[in-house]
């Protein structure tokens, strides 16, 4: 099973983006899911890669993927959390609940 990947930015002036990123990571950590962080502030090509994969030229972090498959953004994850469908939303099975594995690309 491919790892979850969260596109985020370590450099933002937006309080909303910071809060949304923190909440996404809190939800993933709370569900003890492994994920990889991709910091789009490191290069324009990473930001463009995220936007290309999402299919929206104006997409902003955080964006969540399972391997190369797009899962959604903060609002979609939040809705899945409210509906108790996080694993379904992220396309993960119970066996993926091993622990946190965070890496920055």
PDB file of N, CA and C in Angstrom:
ATOM      1  N   UNK A   1       0.857  -1.181   0.000  1.00  0.00           N
ATOM      2  CA  UNK A   1       0.000   0.000   0.000  1.00  0.00           C
ATOM      3  C   UNK A   1       0.897   1.237   0.000  1.00  0.00           C
ATOM      4  N   UNK A   2       0.583   2.173  -0.859  1.00  0.00           N
ATOM      5  CA  UNK A   2       1.357   3.405  -0.948  1.00  0.00           C
ATOM      6  C   UNK A   2       1.129   4.250   0.298  1.00  0.00           C
ATOM      7  N   UNK A   3       2.108   5.058   0.605  1.00  0.00           N
ATOM      8  CA  UNK A   3       2.021   5.909   1.787  1.00  0.00           C
ATOM      9  C   UNK A   3       1.165   7.137   1.508  1.00  0.00           C
ATOM     10  N   UNK A   4       0.543   7.628   2.548  1.00  0.00           N
ATOM     11  CA  UNK A   4      -0.172   8.889   2.442  1.00  0.00           C
ATOM     12  C   UNK A   4       0.855   9.994   2.271  1.00  0.00           C
ATOM     13  N   UNK A   5       0.502  10.977   1.484  1.00  0.00           N
ATOM     14  CA  UNK A   5       1.395  12.109   1.229  1.00  0.00           C
ATOM     15  C   UNK A   5       0.588  13.383   1.432  1.00  0.00           C
ATOM     16  N   UNK A   6       1.133  14.287   2.241  1.00  0.00           N
ATOM     17  CA  UNK A   6       0.478  15.567   2.509  1.00  0.00           C
ATOM     18  C   UNK A   6       1.357  16.679   1.957  1.00  0.00           C
ATOM     19  N   UNK A   7       0.830  17.401   0.983  1.00  0.00           N
ATOM     20  CA  UNK A   7       1.519  18.583   0.467  1.00  0.00           C
ATOM     21  C   UNK A   7       1.163  19.737   1.394  1.00  0.00           C
ATOM     22  N   UNK A   8       2.193  20.392   1.923  1.00  0.00           N
ATOM     23  CA  UNK A   8       2.000  21.492   2.870  1.00  0.00           C
ATOM     24  C   UNK A   8       3.044  22.556   2.572  1.00  0.00           C
ATOM     25  N   UNK A   9       2.997  23.657   3.293  1.00  0.00           N
ATOM     26  CA  UNK A   9       4.019  24.681   3.153  1.00  0.00           C
ATOM     27  C   UNK A   9       4.523  25.081   4.536  1.00  0.00           C
ATOM     28  N   UNK A  10       5.834  25.188   4.646  1.00  0.00           N
ATOM     29  CA  UNK A  10       6.422  25.618   5.917  1.00  0.00           C
ATOM     30  C   UNK A  10       6.510  27.141   5.985  1.00  0.00           C
ATOM     31  N   UNK A  11       6.223  27.809   4.861  1.00  0.00           N
ATOM     32  CA  UNK A  11       6.298  29.263   4.800  1.00  0.00           C
ATOM     33  C   UNK A  11       4.958  29.798   4.301  1.00  0.00           C
ATOM     34  N   UNK A  12       4.211  30.419   5.201  1.00  0.00           N
ATOM     35  CA  UNK A  12       2.935  31.020   4.803  1.00  0.00           C
ATOM     36  C   UNK A  12       2.602  32.170   5.737  1.00  0.00           C
ATOM     37  N   UNK A  13       1.993  33.180   5.173  1.00  0.00           N
ATOM     38  CA  UNK A  13       1.522  34.298   5.973  1.00  0.00           C
ATOM     39  C   UNK A  13       0.057  34.137   6.340  1.00  0.00           C
ATOM     40  N   UNK A  14      -0.524  33.047   5.899  1.00  0.00           N
ATOM     41  CA  UNK A  14      -1.948  32.809   6.112  1.00  0.00           C
ATOM     42  C   UNK A  14      -2.187  31.980   7.367  1.00  0.00           C
ATOM     43  N   UNK A  15      -2.875  32.565   8.310  1.00  0.00           N
ATOM     44  CA  UNK A  15      -3.227  31.851   9.541  1.00  0.00           C
ATOM     45  C   UNK A  15      -4.128  30.665   9.216  1.00  0.00           C
ATOM     46  N   UNK A  16      -5.027  30.844   8.245  1.00  0.00           N
ATOM     47  CA  UNK A  16      -5.954  29.779   7.866  1.00  0.00           C
ATOM     48  C   UNK A  16      -5.206  28.556   7.330  1.00  0.00           C
ATOM     49  N   UNK A  17      -4.212  28.780   6.465  1.00  0.00           N
ATOM     50  CA  UNK A  17      -3.428  27.663   5.922  1.00  0.00           C
ATOM     51  C   UNK A  17      -2.693  26.946   7.050  1.00  0.00           C
ATOM     52  N   UNK A  18      -2.083  27.699   7.957  1.00  0.00           N
ATOM     53  CA  UNK A  18      -1.376  27.093   9.091  1.00  0.00           C
ATOM     54  C   UNK A  18      -2.316  26.240   9.936  1.00  0.00           C
ATOM     55  N   UNK A  19      -3.482  26.775  10.248  1.00  0.00           N
ATOM     56  CA  UNK A  19      -4.450  26.044  11.074  1.00  0.00           C
ATOM     57  C   UNK A  19      -4.944  24.785  10.376  1.00  0.00           C
ATOM     58  N   UNK A  20      -5.206  24.894   9.087  1.00  0.00           N
ATOM     59  CA  UNK A  20      -5.691  23.734   8.334  1.00  0.00           C
ATOM     60  C   UNK A  20      -4.623  22.644   8.261  1.00  0.00           C
ATOM     61  N   UNK A  21      -3.389  23.045   8.043  1.00  0.00           N
ATOM     62  CA  UNK A  21      -2.294  22.070   8.003  1.00  0.00           C
ATOM     63  C   UNK A  21      -2.157  21.363   9.346  1.00  0.00           C
ATOM     64  N   UNK A  22      -2.199  22.130  10.424  1.00  0.00           N
ATOM     65  CA  UNK A  22      -2.091  21.542  11.762  1.00  0.00           C
ATOM     66  C   UNK A  22      -3.223  20.566  12.029  1.00  0.00           C
ATOM     67  N   UNK A  23      -4.428  20.916  11.605  1.00  0.00           N
ATOM     68  CA  UNK A  23      -5.587  20.053  11.829  1.00  0.00           C
ATOM     69  C   UNK A  23      -5.478  18.765  11.014  1.00  0.00           C
ATOM     70  N   UNK A  24      -5.011  18.852   9.776  1.00  0.00           N
ATOM     71  CA  UNK A  24      -4.818  17.647   8.953  1.00  0.00           C
ATOM     72  C   UNK A  24      -3.843  16.700   9.640  1.00  0.00           C
ATOM     73  N   UNK A  25      -2.717  17.228  10.101  1.00  0.00           N
ATOM     74  CA  UNK A  25      -1.715  16.386  10.760  1.00  0.00           C
ATOM     75  C   UNK A  25      -2.254  15.821  12.071  1.00  0.00           C
ATOM     76  N   UNK A  26      -3.043  16.607  12.803  1.00  0.00           N
ATOM     77  CA  UNK A  26      -3.650  16.127  14.042  1.00  0.00           C
ATOM     78  C   UNK A  26      -4.587  14.954  13.758  1.00  0.00           C
ATOM     79  N   UNK A  27      -5.376  15.064  12.716  1.00  0.00           N
ATOM     80  CA  UNK A  27      -6.306  13.984  12.354  1.00  0.00           C
ATOM     81  C   UNK A  27      -5.537  12.731  11.954  1.00  0.00           C
ATOM     82  N   UNK A  28      -4.508  12.893  11.135  1.00  0.00           N
ATOM     83  CA  UNK A  28      -3.716  11.733  10.710  1.00  0.00           C
ATOM     84  C   UNK A  28      -3.010  11.095  11.901  1.00  0.00           C
ATOM     85  N   UNK A  29      -2.403  11.919  12.752  1.00  0.00           N
ATOM     86  CA  UNK A  29      -1.724  11.395  13.942  1.00  0.00           C
ATOM     87  C   UNK A  29      -2.722  10.723  14.881  1.00  0.00           C
ATOM     88  N   UNK A  30      -3.896  11.319  15.038  1.00  0.00           N
ATOM     89  CA  UNK A  30      -4.924  10.757  15.907  1.00  0.00           C
ATOM     90  C   UNK A  30      -5.408   9.392  15.441  1.00  0.00           C
ATOM     91  N   UNK A  31      -5.322   9.165  14.140  1.00  0.00           N
ATOM     92  CA  UNK A  31      -5.699   7.867  13.580  1.00  0.00           C
ATOM     93  C   UNK A  31      -4.489   6.949  13.406  1.00  0.00           C
ATOM     94  N   UNK A  32      -3.344   7.400  13.923  1.00  0.00           N
ATOM     95  CA  UNK A  32      -2.088   6.637  13.872  1.00  0.00           C
ATOM     96  C   UNK A  32      -1.769   6.159  12.459  1.00  0.00           C
ATOM     97  N   UNK A  33      -1.874   7.089  11.501  1.00  0.00           N
ATOM     98  CA  UNK A  33      -1.604   6.773  10.107  1.00  0.00           C
ATOM     99  C   UNK A  33      -0.224   7.277   9.712  1.00  0.00           C
ATOM    100  N   UNK A  34       0.463   6.479   8.922  1.00  0.00           N
ATOM    101  CA  UNK A  34       1.765   6.894   8.409  1.00  0.00           C
ATOM    102  C   UNK A  34       1.543   7.869   7.260  1.00  0.00           C
ATOM    103  N   UNK A  35       2.404   8.884   7.188  1.00  0.00           N
ATOM    104  CA  UNK A  35       2.309   9.834   6.086  1.00  0.00           C
ATOM    105  C   UNK A  35       3.665  10.465   5.828  1.00  0.00           C
ATOM    106  N   UNK A  36       3.758  11.065   4.658  1.00  0.00           N
ATOM    107  CA  UNK A  36       4.979  11.743   4.239  1.00  0.00           C
ATOM    108  C   UNK A  36       4.603  13.195   3.954  1.00  0.00           C
ATOM    109  N   UNK A  37       5.407  14.115   4.441  1.00  0.00           N
ATOM    110  CA  UNK A  37       5.170  15.529   4.195  1.00  0.00           C
ATOM    111  C   UNK A  37       5.988  15.991   2.994  1.00  0.00           C
ATOM    112  N   UNK A  38       5.358  16.768   2.124  1.00  0.00           N
ATOM    113  CA  UNK A  38       6.034  17.357   0.972  1.00  0.00           C
ATOM    114  C   UNK A  38       5.867  18.867   1.091  1.00  0.00           C
ATOM    115  N   UNK A  39       6.973  19.563   1.323  1.00  0.00           N
ATOM    116  CA  UNK A  39       6.958  21.008   1.537  1.00  0.00           C
ATOM    117  C   UNK A  39       7.042  21.736   0.196  1.00  0.00           C
ATOM    118  N   UNK A  40       5.917  22.306  -0.253  1.00  0.00           N
ATOM    119  CA  UNK A  40       5.881  22.977  -1.551  1.00  0.00           C
ATOM    120  C   UNK A  40       6.607  24.315  -1.537  1.00  0.00           C
ATOM    121  N   UNK A  41       6.983  24.807  -0.363  1.00  0.00           N
ATOM    122  CA  UNK A  41       7.719  26.069  -0.304  1.00  0.00           C
ATOM    123  C   UNK A  41       9.185  25.886  -0.681  1.00  0.00           C
ATOM    124  N   UNK A  42       9.633  24.638  -0.799  1.00  0.00           N
ATOM    125  CA  UNK A  42      11.030  24.377  -1.158  1.00  0.00           C
ATOM    126  C   UNK A  42      11.324  24.666  -2.620  1.00  0.00           C
ATOM    127  N   UNK A  43      10.315  24.493  -3.480  1.00  0.00           N
ATOM    128  CA  UNK A  43      10.527  24.794  -4.900  1.00  0.00           C
ATOM    129  C   UNK A  43       9.199  25.004  -5.605  1.00  0.00           C
ATOM    130  N   UNK A  44       9.237  25.838  -6.612  1.00  0.00           N
ATOM    131  CA  UNK A  44       8.051  26.106  -7.423  1.00  0.00           C
ATOM    132  C   UNK A  44       7.579  24.838  -8.122  1.00  0.00           C
ATOM    133  N   UNK A  45       8.518  23.946  -8.450  1.00  0.00           N
ATOM    134  CA  UNK A  45       8.140  22.708  -9.148  1.00  0.00           C
ATOM    135  C   UNK A  45       7.292  21.796  -8.256  1.00  0.00           C
ATOM    136  N   UNK A  46       7.552  21.777  -6.946  1.00  0.00           N
ATOM    137  CA  UNK A  46       6.727  20.981  -6.031  1.00  0.00           C
ATOM    138  C   UNK A  46       5.312  21.557  -5.923  1.00  0.00           C
ATOM    139  N   UNK A  47       5.220  22.879  -5.892  1.00  0.00           N
ATOM    140  CA  UNK A  47       3.904  23.524  -5.859  1.00  0.00           C
ATOM    141  C   UNK A  47       3.141  23.203  -7.142  1.00  0.00           C
ATOM    142  N   UNK A  48       3.834  23.297  -8.277  1.00  0.00           N
ATOM    143  CA  UNK A  48       3.187  23.006  -9.554  1.00  0.00           C
ATOM    144  C   UNK A  48       2.793  21.535  -9.652  1.00  0.00           C
ATOM    145  N   UNK A  49       3.648  20.647  -9.123  1.00  0.00           N
ATOM    146  CA  UNK A  49       3.331  19.211  -9.097  1.00  0.00           C
ATOM    147  C   UNK A  49       2.040  18.966  -8.321  1.00  0.00           C
ATOM    148  N   UNK A  50       1.920  19.609  -7.153  1.00  0.00           N
ATOM    149  CA  UNK A  50       0.714  19.459  -6.342  1.00  0.00           C
ATOM    150  C   UNK A  50      -0.505  19.935  -7.117  1.00  0.00           C
ATOM    151  N   UNK A  51      -0.402  21.102  -7.731  1.00  0.00           N
ATOM    152  CA  UNK A  51      -1.537  21.669  -8.461  1.00  0.00           C
ATOM    153  C   UNK A  51      -1.919  20.815  -9.670  1.00  0.00           C
ATOM    154  N   UNK A  52      -0.913  20.282 -10.356  1.00  0.00           N
ATOM    155  CA  UNK A  52      -1.183  19.404 -11.499  1.00  0.00           C
ATOM    156  C   UNK A  52      -1.920  18.149 -11.053  1.00  0.00           C
ATOM    157  N   UNK A  53      -1.472  17.560  -9.940  1.00  0.00           N
ATOM    158  CA  UNK A  53      -2.099  16.335  -9.438  1.00  0.00           C
ATOM    159  C   UNK A  53      -3.523  16.585  -8.946  1.00  0.00           C
ATOM    160  N   UNK A  54      -3.755  17.753  -8.360  1.00  0.00           N
ATOM    161  CA  UNK A  54      -5.089  18.107  -7.872  1.00  0.00           C
ATOM    162  C   UNK A  54      -6.008  18.447  -9.048  1.00  0.00           C
ATOM    163  N   UNK A  55      -5.411  19.038 -10.083  1.00  0.00           N
ATOM    164  CA  UNK A  55      -6.204  19.438 -11.242  1.00  0.00           C
ATOM    165  C   UNK A  55      -6.778  20.836 -11.129  1.00  0.00           C
ATOM    166  N   UNK A  56      -6.197  21.638 -10.222  1.00  0.00           N
ATOM    167  CA  UNK A  56      -6.641  23.019 -10.033  1.00  0.00           C
ATOM    168  C   UNK A  56      -5.417  23.917  -9.975  1.00  0.00           C
ATOM    169  N   UNK A  57      -5.375  24.912 -10.859  1.00  0.00           N
ATOM    170  CA  UNK A  57      -4.222  25.807 -10.932  1.00  0.00           C
ATOM    171  C   UNK A  57      -4.073  26.683  -9.694  1.00  0.00           C
ATOM    172  N   UNK A  58      -5.144  26.829  -8.913  1.00  0.00           N
ATOM    173  CA  UNK A  58      -5.092  27.688  -7.730  1.00  0.00           C
ATOM    174  C   UNK A  58      -5.155  26.907  -6.419  1.00  0.00           C
ATOM    175  N   UNK A  59      -4.918  25.604  -6.472  1.00  0.00           N
ATOM    176  CA  UNK A  59      -4.963  24.771  -5.259  1.00  0.00           C
ATOM    177  C   UNK A  59      -3.893  25.218  -4.264  1.00  0.00           C
ATOM    178  N   UNK A  60      -4.268  25.243  -2.988  1.00  0.00           N
ATOM    179  CA  UNK A  60      -3.331  25.617  -1.928  1.00  0.00           C
ATOM    180  C   UNK A  60      -3.220  24.468  -0.931  1.00  0.00           C
ATOM    181  N   UNK A  61      -2.078  24.395  -0.241  1.00  0.00           N
ATOM    182  CA  UNK A  61      -1.914  23.355   0.779  1.00  0.00           C
ATOM    183  C   UNK A  61      -2.881  23.584   1.930  1.00  0.00           C
ATOM    184  N   UNK A  62      -3.199  22.544   2.668  1.00  0.00           N
ATOM    185  CA  UNK A  62      -2.748  21.162   2.505  1.00  0.00           C
ATOM    186  C   UNK A  62      -3.611  20.381   1.509  1.00  0.00           C
ATOM    187  N   UNK A  63      -2.963  19.480   0.780  1.00  0.00           N
ATOM    188  CA  UNK A  63      -3.626  18.569  -0.146  1.00  0.00           C
ATOM    189  C   UNK A  63      -3.146  17.166   0.198  1.00  0.00           C
ATOM    190  N   UNK A  64      -4.039  16.201   0.153  1.00  0.00           N
ATOM    191  CA  UNK A  64      -3.732  14.850   0.638  1.00  0.00           C
ATOM    192  C   UNK A  64      -3.859  13.837  -0.493  1.00  0.00           C
ATOM    193  N   UNK A  65      -2.851  12.954  -0.572  1.00  0.00           N
ATOM    194  CA  UNK A  65      -2.810  11.903  -1.585  1.00  0.00           C
ATOM    195  C   UNK A  65      -2.514  10.569  -0.926  1.00  0.00           C
ATOM    196  N   UNK A  66      -2.984   9.509  -1.540  1.00  0.00           N
ATOM    197  CA  UNK A  66      -2.585   8.154  -1.175  1.00  0.00           C
ATOM    198  C   UNK A  66      -1.822   7.644  -2.383  1.00  0.00           C
ATOM    199  N   UNK A  67      -0.494   7.625  -2.277  1.00  0.00           N
ATOM    200  CA  UNK A  67       0.339   7.361  -3.448  1.00  0.00           C
ATOM    201  C   UNK A  67       0.123   8.497  -4.430  1.00  0.00           C
ATOM    202  N   UNK A  68      -0.219   8.164  -5.665  1.00  0.00           N
ATOM    203  CA  UNK A  68      -0.505   9.190  -6.668  1.00  0.00           C
ATOM    204  C   UNK A  68      -1.994   9.501  -6.773  1.00  0.00           C
ATOM    205  N   UNK A  69      -2.806   8.853  -5.950  1.00  0.00           N
ATOM    206  CA  UNK A  69      -4.256   9.056  -6.011  1.00  0.00           C
ATOM    207  C   UNK A  69      -4.669  10.200  -5.087  1.00  0.00           C
ATOM    208  N   UNK A  70      -5.333  11.190  -5.662  1.00  0.00           N
ATOM    209  CA  UNK A  70      -5.777  12.350  -4.900  1.00  0.00           C
ATOM    210  C   UNK A  70      -6.929  11.980  -3.980  1.00  0.00           C
ATOM    211  N   UNK A  71      -6.781  12.310  -2.702  1.00  0.00           N
ATOM    212  CA  UNK A  71      -7.853  12.065  -1.725  1.00  0.00           C
ATOM    213  C   UNK A  71      -8.700  13.314  -1.537  1.00  0.00           C
ATOM    214  N   UNK A  72      -8.039  14.466  -1.337  1.00  0.00           N
ATOM    215  CA  UNK A  72      -8.784  15.704  -1.146  1.00  0.00           C
ATOM    216  C   UNK A  72      -8.002  16.733  -0.356  1.00  0.00           C
ATOM    217  N   UNK A  73      -8.717  17.781   0.037  1.00  0.00           N
ATOM    218  CA  UNK A  73      -8.102  18.871   0.783  1.00  0.00           C
ATOM    219  C   UNK A  73      -8.591  18.861   2.233  1.00  0.00           C
ATOM    220  N   UNK A  74      -8.289  19.919   2.954  1.00  0.00           N
ATOM    221  CA  UNK A  74      -8.666  20.007   4.365  1.00  0.00           C
ATOM    222  C   UNK A  74     -10.170  19.854   4.571  1.00  0.00           C
ATOM    223  N   UNK A  75     -10.948  20.609   3.805  1.00  0.00           N
ATOM    224  CA  UNK A  75     -12.399  20.591   4.008  1.00  0.00           C
ATOM    225  C   UNK A  75     -12.982  19.202   3.781  1.00  0.00           C
ATOM    226  N   UNK A  76     -12.472  18.503   2.784  1.00  0.00           N
ATOM    227  CA  UNK A  76     -12.957  17.155   2.490  1.00  0.00           C
ATOM    228  C   UNK A  76     -12.576  16.187   3.610  1.00  0.00           C
ATOM    229  N   UNK A  77     -11.345  16.317   4.134  1.00  0.00           N
ATOM    230  CA  UNK A  77     -10.917  15.467   5.245  1.00  0.00           C
ATOM    231  C   UNK A  77     -11.736  15.775   6.495  1.00  0.00           C
ATOM    232  N   UNK A  78     -11.979  17.045   6.745  1.00  0.00           N
ATOM    233  CA  UNK A  78     -12.766  17.436   7.912  1.00  0.00           C
ATOM    234  C   UNK A  78     -14.170  16.833   7.838  1.00  0.00           C
ATOM    235  N   UNK A  79     -14.777  16.897   6.664  1.00  0.00           N
ATOM    236  CA  UNK A  79     -16.110  16.312   6.485  1.00  0.00           C
ATOM    237  C   UNK A  79     -16.077  14.802   6.714  1.00  0.00           C
ATOM    238  N   UNK A  80     -15.043  14.141   6.191  1.00  0.00           N
ATOM    239  CA  UNK A  80     -14.907  12.692   6.399  1.00  0.00           C
ATOM    240  C   UNK A  80     -14.743  12.379   7.884  1.00  0.00           C
ATOM    241  N   UNK A  81     -14.024  13.227   8.605  1.00  0.00           N
ATOM    242  CA  UNK A  81     -13.831  13.041  10.041  1.00  0.00           C
ATOM    243  C   UNK A  81     -15.166  13.160  10.772  1.00  0.00           C
ATOM    244  N   UNK A  82     -15.938  14.164  10.412  1.00  0.00           N
ATOM    245  CA  UNK A  82     -17.249  14.360  11.035  1.00  0.00           C
ATOM    246  C   UNK A  82     -18.169  13.168  10.778  1.00  0.00           C
ATOM    247  N   UNK A  83     -18.026  12.544   9.615  1.00  0.00           N
ATOM    248  CA  UNK A  83     -18.859  11.396   9.241  1.00  0.00           C
ATOM    249  C   UNK A  83     -18.235  10.058   9.634  1.00  0.00           C
ATOM    250  N   UNK A  84     -17.113  10.131  10.366  1.00  0.00           N
ATOM    251  CA  UNK A  84     -16.383   8.937  10.799  1.00  0.00           C
ATOM    252  C   UNK A  84     -16.015   8.029   9.627  1.00  0.00           C
ATOM    253  N   UNK A  85     -15.531   8.661   8.547  1.00  0.00           N
ATOM    254  CA  UNK A  85     -15.137   7.936   7.340  1.00  0.00           C
ATOM    255  C   UNK A  85     -13.719   8.296   6.906  1.00  0.00           C
ATOM    256  N   UNK A  86     -12.844   8.559   7.867  1.00  0.00           N
ATOM    257  CA  UNK A  86     -11.484   8.992   7.547  1.00  0.00           C
ATOM    258  C   UNK A  86     -10.745   7.952   6.717  1.00  0.00           C
ATOM    259  N   UNK A  87     -10.774   6.709   7.139  1.00  0.00           N
ATOM    260  CA  UNK A  87     -10.025   5.667   6.422  1.00  0.00           C
ATOM    261  C   UNK A  87     -10.573   5.450   5.015  1.00  0.00           C
ATOM    262  N   UNK A  88     -11.880   5.518   4.879  1.00  0.00           N
ATOM    263  CA  UNK A  88     -12.496   5.391   3.557  1.00  0.00           C
ATOM    264  C   UNK A  88     -12.054   6.555   2.677  1.00  0.00           C
ATOM    265  N   UNK A  89     -12.083   7.770   3.216  1.00  0.00           N
ATOM    266  CA  UNK A  89     -11.671   8.966   2.489  1.00  0.00           C
ATOM    267  C   UNK A  89     -10.216   8.863   2.038  1.00  0.00           C
ATOM    268  N   UNK A  90      -9.355   8.378   2.934  1.00  0.00           N
ATOM    269  CA  UNK A  90      -7.925   8.280   2.639  1.00  0.00           C
ATOM    270  C   UNK A  90      -7.560   7.017   1.870  1.00  0.00           C
ATOM    271  N   UNK A  91      -8.542   6.143   1.669  1.00  0.00           N
ATOM    272  CA  UNK A  91      -8.337   4.898   0.922  1.00  0.00           C
ATOM    273  C   UNK A  91      -7.282   4.019   1.588  1.00  0.00           C
ATOM    274  N   UNK A  92      -7.404   3.887   2.915  1.00  0.00           N
ATOM    275  CA  UNK A  92      -6.477   3.041   3.675  1.00  0.00           C
ATOM    276  C   UNK A  92      -7.248   1.951   4.400  1.00  0.00           C
ATOM    277  N   UNK A  93      -6.567   0.842   4.635  1.00  0.00           N
ATOM    278  CA  UNK A  93      -7.151  -0.269   5.384  1.00  0.00           C
ATOM    279  C   UNK A  93      -6.661  -0.207   6.821  1.00  0.00           C
ATOM    280  N   UNK A  94      -7.298  -0.938   7.692  1.00  0.00           N
ATOM    281  CA  UNK A  94      -6.931  -0.948   9.110  1.00  0.00           C
ATOM    282  C   UNK A  94      -5.491  -1.384   9.319  1.00  0.00           C
ATOM    283  N   UNK A  95      -4.951  -2.227   8.444  1.00  0.00           N
ATOM    284  CA  UNK A  95      -3.582  -2.711   8.613  1.00  0.00           C
ATOM    285  C   UNK A  95      -2.555  -1.603   8.436  1.00  0.00           C
ATOM    286  N   UNK A  96      -2.942  -0.458   7.856  1.00  0.00           N
ATOM    287  CA  UNK A  96      -2.021   0.650   7.666  1.00  0.00           C
ATOM    288  C   UNK A  96      -1.809   1.453   8.946  1.00  0.00           C
ATOM    289  N   UNK A  97      -2.550   1.155  10.001  1.00  0.00           N
ATOM    290  CA  UNK A  97      -2.454   1.907  11.251  1.00  0.00           C
ATOM    291  C   UNK A  97      -1.269   1.420  12.078  1.00  0.00           C
ATOM    292  N   UNK A  98      -0.069   1.713  11.618  1.00  0.00           N
ATOM    293  CA  UNK A  98       1.142   1.240  12.275  1.00  0.00           C
ATOM    294  C   UNK A  98       1.716   2.308  13.192  1.00  0.00           C
ATOM    295  N   UNK A  99       1.756   3.509  12.723  1.00  0.00           N
ATOM    296  CA  UNK A  99       2.340   4.586  13.501  1.00  0.00           C
ATOM    297  C   UNK A  99       2.722   5.718  12.584  1.00  0.00           C
ATOM    298  N   UNK A 100       3.253   6.770  13.134  1.00  0.00           N
ATOM    299  CA  UNK A 100       3.584   7.952  12.367  1.00  0.00           C
ATOM    300  C   UNK A 100       4.968   7.814  11.756  1.00  0.00           C
ATOM    301  N   UNK A 101       5.071   8.129  10.496  1.00  0.00           N
ATOM    302  CA  UNK A 101       6.344   8.150   9.793  1.00  0.00           C
ATOM    303  C   UNK A 101       6.374   9.438   8.999  1.00  0.00           C
ATOM    304  N   UNK A 102       7.059  10.430   9.502  1.00  0.00           N
ATOM    305  CA  UNK A 102       7.056  11.736   8.878  1.00  0.00           C
ATOM    306  C   UNK A 102       8.407  11.988   8.228  1.00  0.00           C
ATOM    307  N   UNK A 103       8.359  12.378   6.974  1.00  0.00           N
ATOM    308  CA  UNK A 103       9.575  12.729   6.244  1.00  0.00           C
ATOM    309  C   UNK A 103       9.281  13.957   5.402  1.00  0.00           C
ATOM    310  N   UNK A 104      10.262  14.783   5.206  1.00  0.00           N
ATOM    311  CA  UNK A 104      10.122  15.959   4.364  1.00  0.00           C
ATOM    312  C   UNK A 104      10.931  15.744   3.101  1.00  0.00           C
ATOM    313  N   UNK A 105      10.278  15.990   1.983  1.00  0.00           N
ATOM    314  CA  UNK A 105      10.961  15.858   0.683  1.00  0.00           C
ATOM    315  C   UNK A 105      11.438  17.215   0.259  1.00  0.00           C
TER     316      UNK A 105
END
